[in-house]
C-alpha atoms as a PDB file:
ATOM      1  CA  MET A   1      15.655  -0.465  -4.496  1.00  0.00           C
ATOM      2  CA  ALA A   2      12.744  -1.681  -6.613  1.00  0.00           C
ATOM      3  CA  HIS A   3      12.814  -1.560 -10.402  1.00  0.00           C
ATOM      4  CA  THR A   4      10.266  -2.439 -13.086  1.00  0.00           C
ATOM      5  CA  VAL A   5      11.002  -3.799 -16.553  1.00  0.00           C
ATOM      6  CA  SER A   6       8.667  -4.350 -19.500  1.00  0.00           C
ATOM      7  CA  PHE A   7       9.050  -6.905 -22.257  1.00  0.00           C
ATOM      8  CA  THR A   8       6.929  -8.639 -24.879  1.00  0.00           C
ATOM      9  CA  VAL A   9       5.605 -12.195 -24.795  1.00  0.00           C
ATOM     10  CA  ASP A  10       3.997 -14.069 -27.674  1.00  0.00           C
ATOM     11  CA  SER A  11       0.489 -15.416 -27.164  1.00  0.00           C
ATOM     12  CA  PRO A  12      -2.226 -16.942 -29.390  1.00  0.00           C
ATOM     13  CA  ALA A  13      -3.784 -13.464 -29.441  1.00  0.00           C
ATOM     14  CA  GLY A  14      -0.537 -11.824 -30.553  1.00  0.00           C
ATOM     15  CA  ARG A  15       2.345 -10.146 -28.775  1.00  0.00           C
ATOM     16  CA  ARG A  16       1.609  -8.757 -25.326  1.00  0.00           C
ATOM     17  CA  THR A  17       3.633  -6.432 -23.096  1.00  0.00           C
ATOM     18  CA  VAL A  18       4.291  -7.650 -19.553  1.00  0.00           C
ATOM     19  CA  GLY A  19       5.723  -5.651 -16.660  1.00  0.00           C
ATOM     20  CA  VAL A  20       7.564  -7.144 -13.680  1.00  0.00           C
ATOM     21  CA  ALA A  21       8.777  -5.356 -10.550  1.00  0.00           C
ATOM     22  CA  TYR A  22      11.904  -6.660  -8.847  1.00  0.00           C
ATOM     23  CA  GLU A  23      14.797  -5.792  -6.601  1.00  0.00           C
ATOM     24  CA  ARG A  24      18.359  -6.930  -7.028  1.00  0.00           C
ATOM     25  CA  ALA A  25      21.202  -7.231  -4.529  1.00  0.00           C
ATOM     26  CA  GLY A  26      24.569  -8.914  -4.136  1.00  0.00           C
ATOM     27  CA  SER A  27      26.996 -10.407  -6.612  1.00  0.00           C
ATOM     28  CA  GLY A  28      27.950 -13.812  -7.940  1.00  0.00           C
ATOM     29  CA  GLN A  29      25.892 -16.331  -9.865  1.00  0.00           C
ATOM     30  CA  PRO A  30      22.300 -15.122 -10.413  1.00  0.00           C
ATOM     31  CA  LEU A  31      19.574 -16.454  -8.120  1.00  0.00           C
ATOM     32  CA  VAL A  32      15.905 -15.655  -8.756  1.00  0.00           C
ATOM     33  CA  LEU A  33      13.397 -15.785  -5.874  1.00  0.00           C
ATOM     34  CA  MET A  34       9.657 -16.326  -6.460  1.00  0.00           C
ATOM     35  CA  HIS A  35       6.898 -15.937  -3.858  1.00  0.00           C
ATOM     36  CA  GLY A  36       3.562 -17.694  -3.392  1.00  0.00           C
ATOM     37  CA  ILE A  37       0.035 -16.699  -4.396  1.00  0.00           C
ATOM     38  CA  GLY A  38      -1.168 -13.509  -2.737  1.00  0.00           C
ATOM     39  CA  HIS A  39       2.277 -12.672  -1.409  1.00  0.00           C
ATOM     40  CA  HIS A  40       4.995 -10.381  -2.752  1.00  0.00           C
ATOM     41  CA  ARG A  41       8.759 -10.259  -3.139  1.00  0.00           C
ATOM     42  CA  GLN A  42       9.194  -9.000   0.439  1.00  0.00           C
ATOM     43  CA  ALA A  43       8.388 -12.532   1.609  1.00  0.00           C
ATOM     44  CA  TRP A  44      12.093 -13.164   0.968  1.00  0.00           C
ATOM     45  CA  ASP A  45      13.363 -10.249   3.069  1.00  0.00           C
ATOM     46  CA  PRO A  46      14.399 -12.467   6.016  1.00  0.00           C
ATOM     47  CA  VAL A  47      16.911 -14.343   3.823  1.00  0.00           C
ATOM     48  CA  LEU A  48      17.800 -11.718   1.215  1.00  0.00           C
ATOM     49  CA  ARG A  49      20.895 -10.338   2.938  1.00  0.00           C
ATOM     50  CA  ILE A  50      22.273 -13.830   3.661  1.00  0.00           C
ATOM     51  CA  LEU A  51      21.814 -14.951   0.051  1.00  0.00           C
ATOM     52  CA  ALA A  52      23.195 -11.700  -1.385  1.00  0.00           C
ATOM     53  CA  ALA A  53      26.517 -12.364   0.334  1.00  0.00           C
ATOM     54  CA  GLU A  54      27.139 -15.127  -2.221  1.00  0.00           C
ATOM     55  CA  ARG A  55      24.673 -14.595  -5.068  1.00  0.00           C
ATOM     56  CA  ASP A  56      23.330 -11.944  -7.416  1.00  0.00           C
ATOM     57  CA  VAL A  57      19.833 -12.126  -5.950  1.00  0.00           C
ATOM     58  CA  ILE A  58      16.768 -11.076  -7.952  1.00  0.00           C
ATOM     59  CA  ALA A  59      13.500 -11.094  -5.961  1.00  0.00           C
ATOM     60  CA  LEU A  60      10.481 -10.386  -8.148  1.00  0.00           C
ATOM     61  CA  ASP A  61       6.792  -9.687  -7.817  1.00  0.00           C
ATOM     62  CA  LEU A  62       5.025 -12.196 -10.038  1.00  0.00           C
ATOM     63  CA  PRO A  63       2.563 -10.603 -12.505  1.00  0.00           C
ATOM     64  CA  GLY A  64      -0.597  -9.518 -10.717  1.00  0.00           C
ATOM     65  CA  PHE A  65       1.065  -9.539  -7.283  1.00  0.00           C
ATOM     66  CA  GLY A  66       2.951  -6.958  -5.275  1.00  0.00           C
ATOM     67  CA  THR A  67       3.641  -3.979  -7.503  1.00  0.00           C
ATOM     68  CA  SER A  68       3.724  -5.924 -10.782  1.00  0.00           C
ATOM     69  CA  PRO A  69       0.746  -5.276 -13.075  1.00  0.00           C
ATOM     70  CA  SER A  70      -1.580  -8.103 -14.064  1.00  0.00           C
ATOM     71  CA  LEU A  71      -0.943 -10.196 -17.121  1.00  0.00           C
ATOM     72  CA  PRO A  72      -2.568  -8.546 -20.147  1.00  0.00           C
ATOM     73  CA  ASP A  73      -5.633 -10.012 -21.849  1.00  0.00           C
ATOM     74  CA  GLY A  74      -4.764 -13.104 -23.822  1.00  0.00           C
ATOM     75  CA  LEU A  75      -2.179 -14.392 -21.337  1.00  0.00           C
ATOM     76  CA  PRO A  76      -3.508 -16.920 -18.810  1.00  0.00           C
ATOM     77  CA  TYR A  77      -1.765 -17.646 -15.510  1.00  0.00           C
ATOM     78  CA  ASP A  78      -0.942 -21.233 -16.460  1.00  0.00           C
ATOM     79  CA  LEU A  79       2.463 -22.900 -16.175  1.00  0.00           C
ATOM     80  CA  ARG A  80       3.280 -22.649 -19.863  1.00  0.00           C
ATOM     81  CA  THR A  81       2.587 -18.913 -20.007  1.00  0.00           C
ATOM     82  CA  MET A  82       4.346 -18.157 -16.732  1.00  0.00           C
ATOM     83  CA  ALA A  83       7.445 -20.084 -17.830  1.00  0.00           C
ATOM     84  CA  SER A  84       7.506 -18.000 -21.013  1.00  0.00           C
ATOM     85  CA  VAL A  85       7.031 -14.776 -19.034  1.00  0.00           C
ATOM     86  CA  LEU A  86       9.826 -15.648 -16.621  1.00  0.00           C
ATOM     87  CA  SER A  87      12.164 -16.705 -19.425  1.00  0.00           C
ATOM     88  CA  SER A  88      11.573 -13.341 -21.123  1.00  0.00           C
ATOM     89  CA  PHE A  89      12.143 -11.580 -17.810  1.00  0.00           C
ATOM     90  CA  PHE A  90      15.493 -13.351 -17.415  1.00  0.00           C
ATOM     91  CA  GLY A  91      16.496 -12.356 -20.938  1.00  0.00           C
ATOM     92  CA  THR A  92      15.536  -8.723 -20.352  1.00  0.00           C
ATOM     93  CA  LEU A  93      17.855  -8.628 -17.343  1.00  0.00           C
ATOM     94  CA  GLY A  94      20.637 -10.361 -19.280  1.00  0.00           C
ATOM     95  CA  VAL A  95      20.434 -13.449 -17.061  1.00  0.00           C
ATOM     96  CA  ARG A  96      20.876 -16.904 -18.571  1.00  0.00           C
ATOM     97  CA  ARG A  97      19.801 -20.026 -16.680  1.00  0.00           C
ATOM     98  CA  PRO A  98      19.825 -18.631 -13.143  1.00  0.00           C
ATOM     99  CA  HIS A  99      19.473 -20.635  -9.989  1.00  0.00           C
ATOM    100  CA  VAL A 100      15.853 -20.392  -8.917  1.00  0.00           C
ATOM    101  CA  ALA A 101      14.103 -20.721  -5.583  1.00  0.00           C
ATOM    102  CA  GLY A 102      10.376 -20.528  -4.993  1.00  0.00           C
ATOM    103  CA  ASN A 103       7.789 -20.930  -2.281  1.00  0.00           C
ATOM    104  CA  SER A 104       4.347 -22.508  -2.869  1.00  0.00           C
ATOM    105  CA  LEU A 105       3.241 -21.178  -6.296  1.00  0.00           C
ATOM    106  CA  GLY A 106       6.805 -19.945  -6.738  1.00  0.00           C
ATOM    107  CA  GLY A 107       8.099 -23.436  -5.956  1.00  0.00           C
ATOM    108  CA  LEU A 108       5.904 -24.929  -8.672  1.00  0.00           C
ATOM    109  CA  LEU A 109       7.168 -22.301 -11.131  1.00  0.00           C
ATOM    110  CA  ALA A 110      10.761 -23.007 -10.096  1.00  0.00           C
ATOM    111  CA  LEU A 111      10.301 -26.707 -10.826  1.00  0.00           C
ATOM    112  CA  GLU A 112       8.723 -25.937 -14.199  1.00  0.00           C
ATOM    113  CA  LEU A 113      11.679 -23.720 -15.091  1.00  0.00           C
ATOM    114  CA  GLY A 114      14.004 -26.558 -14.112  1.00  0.00           C
ATOM    115  CA  ARG A 115      12.030 -29.051 -16.189  1.00  0.00           C
ATOM    116  CA  ARG A 116      12.325 -26.740 -19.193  1.00  0.00           C
ATOM    117  CA  ARG A 117      16.110 -26.357 -18.685  1.00  0.00           C
ATOM    118  CA  LEU A 118      15.675 -22.641 -17.966  1.00  0.00           C
ATOM    119  CA  ALA A 119      17.271 -22.922 -14.512  1.00  0.00           C
ATOM    120  CA  ARG A 120      20.643 -24.093 -13.261  1.00  0.00           C
ATOM    121  CA  SER A 121      19.311 -25.416  -9.954  1.00  0.00           C
ATOM    122  CA  VAL A 122      15.954 -25.473  -8.161  1.00  0.00           C
ATOM    123  CA  SER A 123      15.079 -24.979  -4.501  1.00  0.00           C
ATOM    124  CA  ALA A 124      11.335 -25.492  -3.994  1.00  0.00           C
ATOM    125  CA  LEU A 125       9.817 -24.686  -0.586  1.00  0.00           C
ATOM    126  CA  SER A 126       6.402 -26.319  -0.093  1.00  0.00           C
ATOM    127  CA  PRO A 127       5.771 -26.281  -3.851  1.00  0.00           C
ATOM    128  CA  ALA A 128       2.235 -26.476  -5.192  1.00  0.00           C
ATOM    129  CA  GLY A 129       1.213 -29.207  -7.625  1.00  0.00           C
ATOM    130  CA  PHE A 130       1.680 -32.406  -5.585  1.00  0.00           C
ATOM    131  CA  TRP A 131      -1.780 -32.463  -4.042  1.00  0.00           C
ATOM    132  CA  THR A 132      -4.711 -34.802  -4.282  1.00  0.00           C
ATOM    133  CA  GLU A 133      -7.933 -33.218  -5.520  1.00  0.00           C
ATOM    134  CA  SER A 134      -9.305 -32.979  -1.978  1.00  0.00           C
ATOM    135  CA  GLU A 135      -6.063 -31.387  -0.767  1.00  0.00           C
ATOM    136  CA  ARG A 136      -6.192 -28.876  -3.598  1.00  0.00           C
ATOM    137  CA  ARG A 137      -9.774 -27.909  -2.773  1.00  0.00           C
ATOM    138  CA  TYR A 138      -8.828 -27.497   0.873  1.00  0.00           C
ATOM    139  CA  ALA A 139      -5.793 -25.331   0.060  1.00  0.00           C
ATOM    140  CA  PHE A 140      -7.780 -23.146  -2.321  1.00  0.00           C
ATOM    141  CA  GLY A 141     -10.522 -22.769   0.276  1.00  0.00           C
ATOM    142  CA  VAL A 142      -7.977 -21.564   2.846  1.00  0.00           C
ATOM    143  CA  LEU A 143      -6.485 -19.119   0.349  1.00  0.00           C
ATOM    144  CA  ARG A 144      -9.900 -17.735  -0.582  1.00  0.00           C
ATOM    145  CA  ALA A 145     -10.742 -17.288   3.111  1.00  0.00           C
ATOM    146  CA  MET A 146      -7.469 -15.431   3.702  1.00  0.00           C
ATOM    147  CA  ARG A 147      -8.138 -13.180   0.726  1.00  0.00           C
ATOM    148  CA  GLY A 148     -11.711 -12.533   1.848  1.00  0.00           C
ATOM    149  CA  ALA A 149     -10.572 -11.588   5.345  1.00  0.00           C
ATOM    150  CA  ALA A 150      -7.919  -9.243   3.958  1.00  0.00           C
ATOM    151  CA  LEU A 151     -10.468  -7.549   1.698  1.00  0.00           C
ATOM    152  CA  THR A 152     -13.097  -7.015   4.385  1.00  0.00           C
ATOM    153  CA  MET A 153     -10.839  -5.992   7.267  1.00  0.00           C
ATOM    154  CA  PRO A 154     -10.463  -2.204   7.615  1.00  0.00           C
ATOM    155  CA  LEU A 155      -6.899  -0.943   7.269  1.00  0.00           C
ATOM    156  CA  PRO A 156      -6.896   0.691  10.736  1.00  0.00           C
ATOM    157  CA  LEU A 157      -7.792  -2.691  12.246  1.00  0.00           C
ATOM    158  CA  ILE A 158      -5.006  -4.428  10.314  1.00  0.00           C
ATOM    159  CA  ASP A 159      -2.552  -1.821  11.576  1.00  0.00           C
ATOM    160  CA  ARG A 160      -3.785  -2.172  15.164  1.00  0.00           C
ATOM    161  CA  LEU A 161      -3.576  -5.976  15.102  1.00  0.00           C
ATOM    162  CA  SER A 162      -0.066  -5.891  13.658  1.00  0.00           C
ATOM    163  CA  ARG A 163       1.210  -4.019  16.747  1.00  0.00           C
ATOM    164  CA  SER A 164       0.902  -7.030  19.063  1.00  0.00           C
ATOM    165  CA  ALA A 165       2.125 -10.607  18.885  1.00  0.00           C
ATOM    166  CA  PRO A 166      -1.420 -12.020  19.331  1.00  0.00           C
ATOM    167  CA  GLY A 167      -2.637  -9.723  16.564  1.00  0.00           C
ATOM    168  CA  ARG A 168       0.119 -10.812  14.194  1.00  0.00           C
ATOM    169  CA  THR A 169      -0.787 -14.399  15.030  1.00  0.00           C
ATOM    170  CA  ALA A 170      -4.410 -13.730  14.104  1.00  0.00           C
ATOM    171  CA  LEU A 171      -3.356 -12.200  10.788  1.00  0.00           C
ATOM    172  CA  THR A 172      -0.583 -14.573   9.672  1.00  0.00           C
ATOM    173  CA  SER A 173      -0.584 -17.860  11.624  1.00  0.00           C
ATOM    174  CA  THR A 174      -1.997 -19.677   8.595  1.00  0.00           C
ATOM    175  CA  ILE A 175       1.283 -19.215   6.740  1.00  0.00           C
ATOM    176  CA  TYR A 176       3.829 -18.798   9.556  1.00  0.00           C
ATOM    177  CA  ALA A 177       4.565 -21.164  12.423  1.00  0.00           C
ATOM    178  CA  ARG A 178       6.237 -18.265  14.265  1.00  0.00           C
ATOM    179  CA  PRO A 179       4.134 -15.226  13.338  1.00  0.00           C
ATOM    180  CA  GLY A 180       5.448 -13.220  16.269  1.00  0.00           C
ATOM    181  CA  ARG A 181       8.786 -12.966  14.472  1.00  0.00           C
ATOM    182  CA  ARG A 182       7.249 -10.964  11.621  1.00  0.00           C
ATOM    183  CA  SER A 183       7.530  -7.206  12.034  1.00  0.00           C
ATOM    184  CA  PRO A 184       4.339  -5.108  12.291  1.00  0.00           C
ATOM    185  CA  GLU A 185       5.283  -3.265   9.100  1.00  0.00           C
ATOM    186  CA  ALA A 186       5.782  -6.521   7.185  1.00  0.00           C
ATOM    187  CA  VAL A 187       2.438  -7.912   8.380  1.00  0.00           C
ATOM    188  CA  VAL A 188       0.571  -4.811   7.251  1.00  0.00           C
ATOM    189  CA  SER A 189       2.416  -4.765   3.933  1.00  0.00           C
ATOM    190  CA  GLU A 190       1.696  -8.398   3.070  1.00  0.00           C
ATOM    191  CA  THR A 191      -1.953  -8.127   4.135  1.00  0.00           C
ATOM    192  CA  VAL A 192      -2.333  -5.112   1.848  1.00  0.00           C
ATOM    193  CA  ALA A 193      -0.548  -7.066  -0.914  1.00  0.00           C
ATOM    194  CA  LEU A 194      -3.078  -9.889  -0.541  1.00  0.00           C
ATOM    195  CA  ARG A 195      -5.929  -7.370  -0.790  1.00  0.00           C
ATOM    196  CA  GLY A 196      -4.545  -5.900  -3.987  1.00  0.00           C
ATOM    197  CA  ALA A 197      -3.451  -9.129  -5.709  1.00  0.00           C
ATOM    198  CA  THR A 198      -5.088  -8.705  -9.115  1.00  0.00           C
ATOM    199  CA  GLY A 199      -3.656 -12.034 -10.279  1.00  0.00           C
ATOM    200  CA  PHE A 200      -5.222 -14.000  -7.429  1.00  0.00           C
ATOM    201  CA  HIS A 201      -8.335 -15.339  -9.154  1.00  0.00           C
ATOM    202  CA  GLY A 202      -6.587 -15.990 -12.474  1.00  0.00           C
ATOM    203  CA  THR A 203      -3.888 -17.963 -10.704  1.00  0.00           C
ATOM    204  CA  LEU A 204      -6.423 -20.037  -8.762  1.00  0.00           C
ATOM    205  CA  ALA A 205      -8.361 -20.719 -11.971  1.00  0.00           C
ATOM    206  CA  ALA A 206      -5.210 -21.970 -13.696  1.00  0.00           C
ATOM    207  CA  GLY A 207      -4.260 -23.921 -10.581  1.00  0.00           C
ATOM    208  CA  ARG A 208      -7.268 -26.213 -10.825  1.00  0.00           C
ATOM    209  CA  SER A 209      -5.370 -28.214 -13.433  1.00  0.00           C
ATOM    210  CA  ALA A 210      -1.852 -27.550 -12.131  1.00  0.00           C
ATOM    211  CA  ALA A 211      -0.164 -30.822 -11.255  1.00  0.00           C
ATOM    212  CA  PHE A 212       3.543 -31.489 -11.507  1.00  0.00           C
ATOM    213  CA  THR A 213       4.026 -34.986 -12.892  1.00  0.00           C
ATOM    214  CA  ASP A 214       7.407 -34.872 -14.704  1.00  0.00           C
ATOM    215  CA  ASP A 215      10.945 -35.473 -13.514  1.00  0.00           C
ATOM    216  CA  VAL A 216      13.536 -32.674 -13.416  1.00  0.00           C
ATOM    217  CA  PRO A 217      16.685 -34.551 -14.397  1.00  0.00           C
ATOM    218  CA  GLY A 218      20.176 -33.210 -14.887  1.00  0.00           C
ATOM    219  CA  ILE A 219      20.178 -30.332 -12.371  1.00  0.00           C
ATOM    220  CA  PRO A 220      20.323 -30.114  -8.563  1.00  0.00           C
ATOM    221  CA  VAL A 221      16.834 -30.014  -7.031  1.00  0.00           C
ATOM    222  CA  THR A 222      15.948 -29.617  -3.366  1.00  0.00           C
ATOM    223  CA  ILE A 223      12.382 -29.834  -2.091  1.00  0.00           C
ATOM    224  CA  ALA A 224      11.901 -28.553   1.462  1.00  0.00           C
ATOM    225  CA  TRP A 225       8.736 -28.761   3.539  1.00  0.00           C
ATOM    226  CA  GLY A 226       7.800 -27.165   6.833  1.00  0.00           C
ATOM    227  CA  SER A 227       6.685 -29.627   9.488  1.00  0.00           C
ATOM    228  CA  LYS A 228       3.880 -27.212  10.472  1.00  0.00           C
ATOM    229  CA  ASP A 229       2.618 -26.301   7.017  1.00  0.00           C
ATOM    230  CA  LEU A 230      -1.128 -25.697   7.408  1.00  0.00           C
ATOM    231  CA  ILE A 231      -1.901 -25.164   3.714  1.00  0.00           C
ATOM    232  CA  LEU A 232       0.033 -27.903   1.899  1.00  0.00           C
ATOM    233  CA  PRO A 233       0.638 -30.839   4.286  1.00  0.00           C
ATOM    234  CA  ARG A 234       4.192 -32.177   4.355  1.00  0.00           C
ATOM    235  CA  ARG A 235       3.081 -35.605   3.042  1.00  0.00           C
ATOM    236  CA  GLN A 236       2.990 -33.901  -0.350  1.00  0.00           C
ATOM    237  CA  GLY A 237       6.768 -33.733  -0.152  1.00  0.00           C
ATOM    238  CA  VAL A 238       6.923 -37.517  -0.245  1.00  0.00           C
ATOM    239  CA  ARG A 239       4.864 -37.472  -3.441  1.00  0.00           C
ATOM    240  CA  ALA A 240       7.211 -34.861  -4.883  1.00  0.00           C
ATOM    241  CA  LYS A 241      10.170 -37.123  -4.149  1.00  0.00           C
ATOM    242  CA  HIS A 242       8.484 -39.969  -6.054  1.00  0.00           C
ATOM    243  CA  VAL A 243       7.911 -37.688  -9.060  1.00  0.00           C
ATOM    244  CA  ILE A 244      11.459 -36.268  -8.921  1.00  0.00           C
ATOM    245  CA  PRO A 245      13.513 -39.180  -7.546  1.00  0.00           C
ATOM    246  CA  GLY A 246      16.825 -37.354  -7.857  1.00  0.00           C
ATOM    247  CA  ALA A 247      15.640 -34.481  -5.665  1.00  0.00           C
ATOM    248  CA  ARG A 248      16.854 -33.968  -2.132  1.00  0.00           C
ATOM    249  CA  LEU A 249      13.883 -33.882   0.265  1.00  0.00           C
ATOM    250  CA  VAL A 250      14.460 -31.783   3.385  1.00  0.00           C
ATOM    251  CA  ARG A 251      12.228 -31.369   6.426  1.00  0.00           C
ATOM    252  CA  LEU A 252      12.057 -27.934   8.025  1.00  0.00           C
ATOM    253  CA  PRO A 253      11.204 -28.445  11.711  1.00  0.00           C
ATOM    254  CA  ASP A 254       8.790 -25.959  13.285  1.00  0.00           C
ATOM    255  CA  CYS A 255       8.285 -24.107  10.000  1.00  0.00           C
ATOM    256  CA  GLY A 256       5.014 -23.181   8.352  1.00  0.00           C
ATOM    257  CA  HIS A 257       4.003 -22.739   4.744  1.00  0.00           C
ATOM    258  CA  VAL A 258       6.279 -19.710   4.272  1.00  0.00           C
ATOM    259  CA  PRO A 259       9.450 -20.903   6.030  1.00  0.00           C
ATOM    260  CA  MET A 260      11.688 -17.958   5.149  1.00  0.00           C
ATOM    261  CA  ASN A 261      10.294 -16.090   8.156  1.00  0.00           C
ATOM    262  CA  ASP A 262      10.265 -19.054  10.535  1.00  0.00           C
ATOM    263  CA  ASP A 263      13.876 -20.188  10.013  1.00  0.00           C
ATOM    264  CA  PRO A 264      15.833 -17.835   7.714  1.00  0.00           C
ATOM    265  CA  ALA A 265      19.187 -19.513   8.371  1.00  0.00           C
ATOM    266  CA  ALA A 266      17.937 -22.990   7.420  1.00  0.00           C
ATOM    267  CA  VAL A 267      16.203 -21.737   4.271  1.00  0.00           C
ATOM    268  CA  ALA A 268      19.244 -19.747   3.144  1.00  0.00           C
ATOM    269  CA  ARG A 269      21.505 -22.741   3.765  1.00  0.00           C
ATOM    270  CA  ILE A 270      19.251 -24.997   1.659  1.00  0.00           C
ATOM    271  CA  ILE A 271      19.208 -22.564  -1.252  1.00  0.00           C
ATOM    272  CA  LEU A 272      22.949 -21.883  -1.165  1.00  0.00           C
ATOM    273  CA  ASP A 273      23.830 -25.568  -0.831  1.00  0.00           C
ATOM    274  CA  THR A 274      21.597 -26.454  -3.776  1.00  0.00           C
ATOM    275  CA  SER A 275      23.024 -23.673  -5.926  1.00  0.00           C
ATOM    276  CA  ARG A 276      26.565 -24.795  -5.236  1.00  0.00           C
END
């Protein structure tokens, strides 16, 4: 069941109220799951039940995505602000230094939380921030094209395409290596989420200067990369390993940019092993 909490965050323009939607399941040590740009918390559905068997799992919609409202005026979508927002979110739920796992944008945020000692362990799946400038421009171009297609495609067409494996491939093969595994309902839902992502442009604007260049010492870190990632090529994982030499670098065979759908068992095992 989804819930929404509100809390205040300090900004140069004064205190601002932020709302975050989330769902929570399971018991044990807390584990927070963060999705990528344009996606929503349901990206984690394929692994949620597996993780909840051992962890108190909190899957959230980042501000401006899913059913979470946008950040208020005065709060940019940069790493510093988002780390503050997420720290306040943890405190509102009574969670201190959870394990964190993130995909793409969520992976970058997970690493930033680890760097700031706000997380107990970090599992980052194809995290953003380890690109060259040309790779960043390419990734942003792909994301803008996906958003444009989602905005211009009529909802009845999206629904019709989702009912066949070739249609689901047309809609989601950019992020999944095995799009046929995604249910029609999930494909429609995430396409609609991309259409309505009010934080999309603000996040891309902040992402122009988002590069992760610091180590994350003192906590377990795993960086995993799909071998068929079409948005952030897996060579970026090698760069991430150079930046964070203590991290474990894992290859996810036959997985795309959002590997939770392509190989739920492997992704869940990585997250649980890291959080142990």
